[in-house]
């Protein structure tokens, strides 16, 4: 089966790295050879990026020296304000008994695993709490005074009087 010139051209990978143009025919290369080409390209890309950053930094430093300005004067800080749209994350409060990697902070909509677990018999929201957070104990209710205790306290009150 003969491959057309256009198809062969499409299958040819052209690399433009560090100003050198390399044409590599990828059609008949083994996976190891392809991996080696990818690794080499990634290495060249990283070094080209670091060179670009270094060149830009030198140009900025030269402009700052010529103008007599500092980087803080050119790019002032925001005054300690948080960037808009950033929220602090909340520690998880509930953990799935079946899959411990699934957690929920207790805020927002209940996840599906939580609602399904609550529907099971004997499973409560308190049983899904993560060990460090325990539910507050219900307030103890005062017991009703027995007749003997009421009589004794009444007798003490009359004796004092």
N, C-alpha and C. Protein backbone atom coordinates (compact mmCIF):
# COMPACT_ATOMS: atom_id res chain seq x y z
N UNK A 1 0.86 -1.17 0.00
CA UNK A 1 0.00 0.00 0.00
C UNK A 1 0.90 1.23 0.00
N UNK A 2 0.74 2.04 -1.00
CA UNK A 2 1.57 3.22 -1.16
C UNK A 2 0.92 4.41 -0.46
N UNK A 3 1.71 5.16 0.29
CA UNK A 3 1.22 6.31 1.02
C UNK A 3 1.47 7.56 0.18
N UNK A 4 0.46 8.42 0.09
CA UNK A 4 0.61 9.63 -0.71
C UNK A 4 1.59 10.59 -0.04
N UNK A 5 2.09 11.51 -0.83
CA UNK A 5 3.04 12.50 -0.32
C UNK A 5 2.40 13.38 0.74
N UNK A 6 1.11 13.73 0.56
CA UNK A 6 0.41 14.57 1.54
C UNK A 6 0.27 13.84 2.87
N UNK A 7 -0.07 12.56 2.82
CA UNK A 7 -0.21 11.78 4.05
C UNK A 7 1.14 11.65 4.75
N UNK A 8 2.19 11.41 3.98
CA UNK A 8 3.52 11.30 4.56
C UNK A 8 3.93 12.62 5.21
N UNK A 9 3.56 13.72 4.57
CA UNK A 9 3.87 15.03 5.13
C UNK A 9 3.12 15.26 6.44
N UNK A 10 1.85 14.83 6.49
CA UNK A 10 1.06 14.99 7.72
C UNK A 10 1.64 14.17 8.85
N UNK A 11 2.18 13.00 8.51
CA UNK A 11 2.72 12.13 9.55
C UNK A 11 4.11 12.55 10.00
N UNK A 12 4.70 13.48 9.30
CA UNK A 12 6.02 13.96 9.67
C UNK A 12 5.88 15.04 10.73
N UNK A 13 6.56 14.87 11.79
CA UNK A 13 6.48 15.78 12.92
C UNK A 13 7.64 16.76 12.84
N UNK A 14 7.33 18.06 12.81
CA UNK A 14 8.38 19.06 12.70
C UNK A 14 8.59 19.72 14.06
N UNK A 15 9.80 19.68 14.51
CA UNK A 15 10.14 20.26 15.80
C UNK A 15 10.83 21.59 15.59
N UNK A 16 10.37 22.59 16.29
CA UNK A 16 11.03 23.90 16.27
C UNK A 16 11.58 24.15 17.67
N UNK A 17 12.76 23.69 17.91
CA UNK A 17 13.34 23.85 19.23
C UNK A 17 14.68 24.57 19.10
N UNK A 18 14.83 25.56 19.90
CA UNK A 18 16.06 26.36 19.96
C UNK A 18 16.54 26.80 18.58
N UNK A 19 15.58 27.17 17.73
CA UNK A 19 15.91 27.70 16.42
C UNK A 19 16.32 26.66 15.40
N UNK A 20 16.37 25.40 15.78
CA UNK A 20 16.75 24.34 14.85
C UNK A 20 15.49 23.61 14.44
N UNK A 21 15.30 23.44 13.14
CA UNK A 21 14.15 22.71 12.63
C UNK A 21 14.58 21.28 12.36
N UNK A 22 13.87 20.36 13.01
CA UNK A 22 14.15 18.95 12.81
C UNK A 22 12.90 18.29 12.25
N UNK A 23 13.05 17.51 11.22
CA UNK A 23 11.94 16.75 10.69
C UNK A 23 12.15 15.30 11.09
N UNK A 24 11.19 14.75 11.81
CA UNK A 24 11.29 13.38 12.27
C UNK A 24 10.09 12.62 11.74
N UNK A 25 10.33 11.52 11.05
CA UNK A 25 9.24 10.70 10.55
C UNK A 25 8.82 9.76 11.68
N UNK A 26 7.64 9.96 12.21
CA UNK A 26 7.17 9.20 13.37
C UNK A 26 6.51 7.89 12.98
N UNK A 27 6.33 7.67 11.71
CA UNK A 27 5.56 6.53 11.24
C UNK A 27 6.15 5.19 11.64
N UNK A 28 7.45 5.02 11.51
CA UNK A 28 8.06 3.71 11.73
C UNK A 28 8.85 3.63 13.03
N UNK A 29 8.61 4.53 13.95
CA UNK A 29 9.36 4.53 15.20
C UNK A 29 8.71 3.61 16.22
N UNK A 30 9.55 3.00 17.05
CA UNK A 30 9.06 2.14 18.12
C UNK A 30 8.58 3.01 19.29
N UNK A 31 7.81 2.42 20.20
CA UNK A 31 7.36 3.20 21.37
C UNK A 31 8.53 3.75 22.19
N UNK A 32 9.62 3.01 22.31
CA UNK A 32 10.78 3.50 23.06
C UNK A 32 11.39 4.72 22.38
N UNK A 33 11.48 4.66 21.06
CA UNK A 33 12.04 5.79 20.32
C UNK A 33 11.13 7.02 20.42
N UNK A 34 9.82 6.78 20.35
CA UNK A 34 8.88 7.89 20.50
C UNK A 34 9.00 8.52 21.89
N UNK A 35 9.13 7.66 22.90
CA UNK A 35 9.27 8.17 24.27
C UNK A 35 10.56 8.97 24.41
N UNK A 36 11.62 8.54 23.77
CA UNK A 36 12.89 9.27 23.82
C UNK A 36 12.74 10.65 23.17
N UNK A 37 12.02 10.71 22.06
CA UNK A 37 11.79 11.99 21.38
C UNK A 37 10.98 12.92 22.27
N UNK A 38 9.95 12.37 22.92
CA UNK A 38 9.11 13.18 23.81
C UNK A 38 9.94 13.70 24.98
N UNK A 39 10.77 12.84 25.57
CA UNK A 39 11.60 13.27 26.71
C UNK A 39 12.57 14.36 26.29
N UNK A 40 13.17 14.21 25.11
CA UNK A 40 14.10 15.23 24.62
C UNK A 40 13.38 16.54 24.37
N UNK A 41 12.18 16.47 23.78
CA UNK A 41 11.41 17.69 23.51
C UNK A 41 11.02 18.39 24.80
N UNK A 42 10.60 17.62 25.82
CA UNK A 42 10.24 18.22 27.10
C UNK A 42 11.45 18.88 27.75
N UNK A 43 12.60 18.23 27.65
CA UNK A 43 13.83 18.80 28.21
C UNK A 43 14.18 20.11 27.52
N UNK A 44 14.10 20.12 26.20
CA UNK A 44 14.39 21.34 25.44
C UNK A 44 13.39 22.44 25.77
N UNK A 45 12.12 22.06 25.95
CA UNK A 45 11.09 23.04 26.25
C UNK A 45 11.35 23.68 27.62
N UNK A 46 11.73 22.88 28.61
CA UNK A 46 12.02 23.42 29.94
C UNK A 46 13.20 24.38 29.90
N UNK A 47 14.25 23.99 29.18
CA UNK A 47 15.42 24.87 29.13
C UNK A 47 15.11 26.14 28.34
N UNK A 48 14.29 26.03 27.28
CA UNK A 48 13.91 27.22 26.51
C UNK A 48 13.07 28.15 27.37
N UNK A 49 12.19 27.60 28.20
CA UNK A 49 11.35 28.42 29.08
C UNK A 49 12.21 29.12 30.14
N UNK A 50 13.15 28.38 30.73
CA UNK A 50 13.99 29.02 31.75
C UNK A 50 14.88 30.10 31.13
N UNK A 51 15.33 29.89 29.90
CA UNK A 51 16.11 30.93 29.21
C UNK A 51 15.25 32.16 28.94
N UNK A 52 14.01 31.94 28.55
CA UNK A 52 13.09 33.06 28.30
C UNK A 52 12.85 33.85 29.58
N UNK A 53 12.62 33.15 30.69
CA UNK A 53 12.40 33.82 31.97
C UNK A 53 13.64 34.63 32.35
N UNK A 54 14.80 34.07 32.16
CA UNK A 54 16.04 34.78 32.50
C UNK A 54 16.21 36.03 31.64
N UNK A 55 15.92 35.93 30.34
CA UNK A 55 16.04 37.09 29.45
C UNK A 55 15.07 38.19 29.84
N UNK A 56 13.83 37.83 30.13
CA UNK A 56 12.83 38.82 30.52
C UNK A 56 13.22 39.48 31.83
N UNK A 57 13.73 38.69 32.77
CA UNK A 57 14.15 39.24 34.06
C UNK A 57 15.28 40.25 33.87
N UNK A 58 16.23 39.94 32.99
CA UNK A 58 17.33 40.87 32.72
C UNK A 58 16.81 42.17 32.12
N UNK A 59 15.85 42.07 31.21
CA UNK A 59 15.29 43.27 30.58
C UNK A 59 14.55 44.13 31.61
N UNK A 60 13.80 43.48 32.49
CA UNK A 60 13.06 44.22 33.52
C UNK A 60 14.04 44.90 34.47
N UNK A 61 15.07 44.18 34.89
CA UNK A 61 16.08 44.77 35.78
C UNK A 61 16.75 45.98 35.13
N UNK A 62 17.05 45.87 33.84
CA UNK A 62 17.68 46.99 33.13
C UNK A 62 16.75 48.19 33.09
N UNK A 63 15.46 47.97 32.80
CA UNK A 63 14.49 49.08 32.78
C UNK A 63 14.34 49.72 34.15
N UNK A 64 14.32 48.90 35.19
CA UNK A 64 14.20 49.44 36.55
C UNK A 64 15.44 50.26 36.91
N UNK A 65 16.61 49.79 36.53
CA UNK A 65 17.85 50.54 36.81
C UNK A 65 17.87 51.87 36.07
N UNK A 66 17.44 51.87 34.82
CA UNK A 66 17.45 53.10 34.02
C UNK A 66 16.46 54.11 34.59
N UNK A 67 15.28 53.64 34.98
CA UNK A 67 14.24 54.55 35.45
C UNK A 67 14.42 54.95 36.91
N UNK A 68 15.17 54.17 37.67
CA UNK A 68 15.36 54.48 39.09
C UNK A 68 14.18 54.02 39.95
N UNK A 69 13.31 53.23 39.39
CA UNK A 69 12.16 52.72 40.13
C UNK A 69 12.46 51.35 40.70
N UNK A 70 11.62 50.96 41.65
CA UNK A 70 11.71 49.61 42.19
C UNK A 70 10.52 48.80 41.71
N UNK A 71 10.63 47.51 41.84
CA UNK A 71 9.54 46.63 41.41
C UNK A 71 8.29 46.88 42.26
N UNK A 72 8.47 47.20 43.54
CA UNK A 72 7.34 47.49 44.42
C UNK A 72 6.62 48.76 44.00
N UNK A 73 7.35 49.72 43.45
CA UNK A 73 6.71 50.95 42.97
C UNK A 73 5.93 50.70 41.68
N UNK A 74 6.46 49.84 40.83
CA UNK A 74 5.80 49.55 39.56
C UNK A 74 4.59 48.66 39.78
N UNK A 75 4.73 47.65 40.62
CA UNK A 75 3.64 46.73 40.94
C UNK A 75 3.37 46.77 42.44
N UNK A 76 2.57 47.74 42.91
CA UNK A 76 2.29 47.81 44.35
C UNK A 76 1.43 46.63 44.78
N UNK A 77 1.57 46.29 46.05
CA UNK A 77 0.78 45.19 46.59
C UNK A 77 -0.64 45.66 46.84
N UNK A 78 -1.54 44.73 47.05
CA UNK A 78 -2.95 45.06 47.21
C UNK A 78 -3.29 45.48 48.63
N UNK A 79 -2.36 45.56 49.52
CA UNK A 79 -2.65 46.00 50.88
C UNK A 79 -3.13 44.88 51.77
N UNK A 80 -2.74 43.67 51.48
CA UNK A 80 -3.09 42.55 52.34
C UNK A 80 -4.48 42.00 52.12
N UNK A 81 -5.19 42.49 51.12
CA UNK A 81 -6.52 41.95 50.86
C UNK A 81 -6.40 40.61 50.16
N UNK A 82 -7.40 39.76 50.42
CA UNK A 82 -7.45 38.48 49.74
C UNK A 82 -7.82 38.69 48.29
N UNK A 83 -7.34 37.83 47.45
CA UNK A 83 -7.73 37.88 46.05
C UNK A 83 -9.21 37.54 45.95
N UNK A 84 -9.95 38.21 45.09
CA UNK A 84 -11.38 37.94 44.99
C UNK A 84 -11.63 36.51 44.51
N UNK A 85 -12.65 35.92 45.11
CA UNK A 85 -13.03 34.58 44.70
C UNK A 85 -12.33 33.47 45.45
N UNK A 86 -11.40 33.80 46.34
CA UNK A 86 -10.72 32.75 47.09
C UNK A 86 -11.47 32.52 48.40
N UNK A 87 -11.67 31.29 48.72
CA UNK A 87 -12.36 30.93 49.95
C UNK A 87 -11.47 29.98 50.74
N UNK A 88 -11.56 30.08 52.04
CA UNK A 88 -10.80 29.15 52.85
C UNK A 88 -11.58 27.84 52.94
N UNK A 89 -10.85 26.75 52.95
CA UNK A 89 -11.51 25.46 53.01
C UNK A 89 -11.82 25.12 54.47
N UNK A 90 -12.84 24.33 54.65
CA UNK A 90 -13.29 23.94 55.98
C UNK A 90 -12.92 22.47 56.18
N UNK A 91 -12.51 22.14 57.38
CA UNK A 91 -12.15 20.76 57.68
C UNK A 91 -13.38 19.87 57.55
N UNK A 92 -13.19 18.64 57.05
CA UNK A 92 -14.34 17.75 56.91
C UNK A 92 -14.90 17.36 58.27
N UNK A 93 -16.20 17.19 58.32
CA UNK A 93 -16.89 16.88 59.56
C UNK A 93 -17.46 15.45 59.55
N UNK A 94 -17.86 14.99 58.37
CA UNK A 94 -18.47 13.67 58.23
C UNK A 94 -17.64 12.81 57.29
N UNK A 95 -17.61 11.48 57.57
CA UNK A 95 -16.87 10.54 56.73
C UNK A 95 -17.77 9.36 56.39
N UNK A 96 -17.68 8.91 55.13
CA UNK A 96 -18.45 7.76 54.67
C UNK A 96 -17.90 6.50 55.33
N UNK A 97 -18.79 5.65 55.85
CA UNK A 97 -18.37 4.43 56.51
C UNK A 97 -17.88 3.40 55.49
N UNK A 98 -18.46 3.41 54.29
CA UNK A 98 -18.09 2.44 53.27
C UNK A 98 -16.78 2.83 52.60
N UNK A 99 -16.65 4.09 52.19
CA UNK A 99 -15.45 4.59 51.52
C UNK A 99 -14.90 5.76 52.33
N UNK A 100 -13.90 5.53 53.18
CA UNK A 100 -13.39 6.59 54.07
C UNK A 100 -12.76 7.78 53.34
N UNK A 101 -12.51 7.65 52.04
CA UNK A 101 -11.95 8.79 51.31
C UNK A 101 -12.99 9.86 51.04
N UNK A 102 -14.27 9.51 51.14
CA UNK A 102 -15.35 10.46 50.90
C UNK A 102 -15.67 11.18 52.20
N UNK A 103 -15.54 12.50 52.18
CA UNK A 103 -15.83 13.30 53.37
C UNK A 103 -16.72 14.46 52.99
N UNK A 104 -17.30 15.09 54.00
CA UNK A 104 -18.17 16.25 53.79
C UNK A 104 -17.99 17.19 54.96
N UNK A 105 -17.93 18.49 54.69
CA UNK A 105 -17.69 19.48 55.74
C UNK A 105 -18.95 19.81 56.53
N UNK A 106 -20.10 19.40 56.05
CA UNK A 106 -21.34 19.74 56.72
C UNK A 106 -21.94 21.02 56.19
N UNK A 107 -21.30 21.61 55.20
CA UNK A 107 -21.80 22.84 54.58
C UNK A 107 -22.28 22.54 53.17
N UNK A 108 -23.27 23.28 52.76
CA UNK A 108 -23.77 23.10 51.40
C UNK A 108 -24.68 21.89 51.29
N UNK A 109 -24.91 21.49 50.07
CA UNK A 109 -25.81 20.38 49.79
C UNK A 109 -25.20 19.07 50.29
N UNK A 110 -26.05 18.20 50.83
CA UNK A 110 -25.58 16.92 51.32
C UNK A 110 -25.15 16.05 50.14
N UNK A 111 -23.99 15.40 50.24
CA UNK A 111 -23.57 14.53 49.15
C UNK A 111 -24.43 13.27 49.10
N UNK A 112 -24.41 12.61 47.97
CA UNK A 112 -25.25 11.44 47.75
C UNK A 112 -24.93 10.33 48.74
N UNK A 113 -23.64 10.10 49.02
CA UNK A 113 -23.28 9.03 49.94
C UNK A 113 -23.84 9.30 51.33
N UNK A 114 -23.91 10.58 51.72
CA UNK A 114 -24.42 10.95 53.04
C UNK A 114 -25.91 10.66 53.14
N UNK A 115 -26.67 11.09 52.13
CA UNK A 115 -28.12 10.87 52.16
C UNK A 115 -28.45 9.39 52.09
N UNK A 116 -27.69 8.62 51.32
CA UNK A 116 -27.94 7.18 51.25
C UNK A 116 -27.60 6.50 52.57
N UNK A 117 -26.54 6.94 53.22
CA UNK A 117 -26.15 6.34 54.50
C UNK A 117 -27.18 6.64 55.58
N UNK A 118 -27.74 7.85 55.58
CA UNK A 118 -28.73 8.23 56.60
C UNK A 118 -30.00 7.39 56.45
N UNK A 119 -30.33 7.01 55.21
CA UNK A 119 -31.54 6.22 54.97
C UNK A 119 -31.42 4.81 55.52
N UNK A 120 -30.19 4.32 55.71
CA UNK A 120 -30.00 2.96 56.22
C UNK A 120 -30.41 2.90 57.68
N UNK A 121 -30.91 1.78 58.07
CA UNK A 121 -31.38 1.59 59.44
C UNK A 121 -30.20 1.61 60.42
N UNK A 122 -30.32 2.39 61.45
CA UNK A 122 -29.31 2.45 62.49
C UNK A 122 -28.19 3.44 62.23
N UNK A 123 -28.18 4.08 61.07
CA UNK A 123 -27.13 5.05 60.77
C UNK A 123 -27.69 6.45 60.96
N UNK A 124 -27.01 7.23 61.78
CA UNK A 124 -27.42 8.61 62.01
C UNK A 124 -26.30 9.54 61.57
N UNK A 125 -26.60 10.81 61.51
CA UNK A 125 -25.58 11.79 61.15
C UNK A 125 -24.46 11.78 62.19
N UNK A 126 -24.81 11.57 63.45
CA UNK A 126 -23.81 11.54 64.52
C UNK A 126 -22.86 10.35 64.36
N UNK A 127 -23.36 9.23 63.82
CA UNK A 127 -22.49 8.07 63.64
C UNK A 127 -21.50 8.27 62.50
N UNK A 128 -21.75 9.23 61.63
CA UNK A 128 -20.85 9.52 60.51
C UNK A 128 -19.83 10.61 60.84
N UNK A 129 -19.93 11.18 62.04
CA UNK A 129 -18.99 12.24 62.43
C UNK A 129 -17.58 11.69 62.48
N UNK A 130 -16.63 12.50 62.07
CA UNK A 130 -15.22 12.11 62.13
C UNK A 130 -14.79 12.16 63.59
N UNK A 131 -13.94 11.23 64.00
CA UNK A 131 -13.54 11.05 65.38
C UNK A 131 -13.26 12.29 66.19
N UNK A 132 -12.59 13.29 65.64
CA UNK A 132 -12.23 14.48 66.39
C UNK A 132 -13.41 15.34 66.77
N UNK A 133 -14.49 15.28 66.01
CA UNK A 133 -15.66 16.10 66.32
C UNK A 133 -16.74 15.20 66.87
N UNK A 134 -17.15 15.50 68.08
CA UNK A 134 -18.21 14.71 68.71
C UNK A 134 -19.41 15.60 68.92
N UNK A 135 -20.59 15.01 68.85
CA UNK A 135 -21.78 15.84 69.05
C UNK A 135 -21.87 16.30 70.49
N UNK A 136 -22.46 17.45 70.68
CA UNK A 136 -22.63 17.97 72.03
C UNK A 136 -23.63 17.08 72.78
N UNK A 137 -23.32 16.81 74.02
CA UNK A 137 -24.21 15.98 74.82
C UNK A 137 -25.48 16.76 75.12
N UNK A 138 -26.63 16.08 75.07
CA UNK A 138 -27.86 16.80 75.37
C UNK A 138 -27.86 17.26 76.83
N UNK A 139 -28.49 18.38 77.06
CA UNK A 139 -28.54 18.92 78.42
C UNK A 139 -29.31 17.96 79.31
N UNK A 140 -28.77 17.74 80.51
CA UNK A 140 -29.43 16.83 81.43
C UNK A 140 -30.65 17.51 82.01
N UNK A 141 -31.73 16.78 82.01
CA UNK A 141 -32.97 17.33 82.57
C UNK A 141 -33.01 16.99 84.05
N UNK A 142 -33.55 17.89 84.81
CA UNK A 142 -33.65 17.67 86.26
C UNK A 142 -34.68 16.59 86.53
N UNK A 143 -34.33 15.72 87.47
CA UNK A 143 -35.27 14.66 87.84
C UNK A 143 -36.37 15.26 88.71
N UNK A 144 -37.51 14.65 88.60
CA UNK A 144 -38.62 15.11 89.43
C UNK A 144 -38.31 14.78 90.89
N UNK A 145 -38.63 15.70 91.72
CA UNK A 145 -38.38 15.50 93.14
C UNK A 145 -39.34 14.45 93.68
N UNK A 146 -38.80 13.57 94.46
CA UNK A 146 -39.67 12.55 95.06
C UNK A 146 -40.39 13.16 96.26
N UNK A 147 -41.41 12.51 96.67
CA UNK A 147 -42.22 13.03 97.78
C UNK A 147 -41.39 13.12 99.06
N UNK A 148 -40.48 12.12 99.27
CA UNK A 148 -39.67 12.14 100.48
C UNK A 148 -38.73 13.34 100.48
N UNK A 149 -38.10 13.61 99.35
CA UNK A 149 -37.17 14.73 99.27
C UNK A 149 -37.90 16.04 99.46
N UNK A 150 -39.10 16.16 98.93
CA UNK A 150 -39.88 17.38 99.09
C UNK A 150 -40.25 17.56 100.56
N UNK A 151 -40.65 16.48 101.21
CA UNK A 151 -41.03 16.56 102.62
C UNK A 151 -39.83 16.94 103.48
N UNK A 152 -38.63 16.37 103.17
CA UNK A 152 -37.44 16.67 103.95
C UNK A 152 -37.06 18.13 103.80
N UNK A 153 -37.09 18.64 102.56
CA UNK A 153 -36.71 20.04 102.36
C UNK A 153 -37.74 20.97 102.99
N UNK A 154 -39.00 20.59 102.97
CA UNK A 154 -40.03 21.41 103.61
C UNK A 154 -39.84 21.40 105.12
N UNK A 155 -39.46 20.25 105.67
CA UNK A 155 -39.24 20.14 107.10
C UNK A 155 -38.04 20.98 107.53
N UNK A 156 -36.99 21.00 106.72
CA UNK A 156 -35.82 21.81 107.04
C UNK A 156 -36.16 23.28 107.03
N UNK A 157 -36.98 23.69 106.07
CA UNK A 157 -37.35 25.10 105.97
C UNK A 157 -38.17 25.52 107.18
N UNK A 158 -39.08 24.68 107.63
CA UNK A 158 -39.91 25.03 108.78
C UNK A 158 -39.09 25.00 110.06
N UNK A 159 -38.09 24.12 110.13
CA UNK A 159 -37.25 24.03 111.32
C UNK A 159 -36.37 25.27 111.44
N UNK A 160 -35.92 25.82 110.34
CA UNK A 160 -35.08 27.01 110.36
C UNK A 160 -35.90 28.23 110.76
N UNK A 161 -37.14 28.23 110.42
CA UNK A 161 -37.96 29.39 110.67
C UNK A 161 -38.40 29.50 112.06
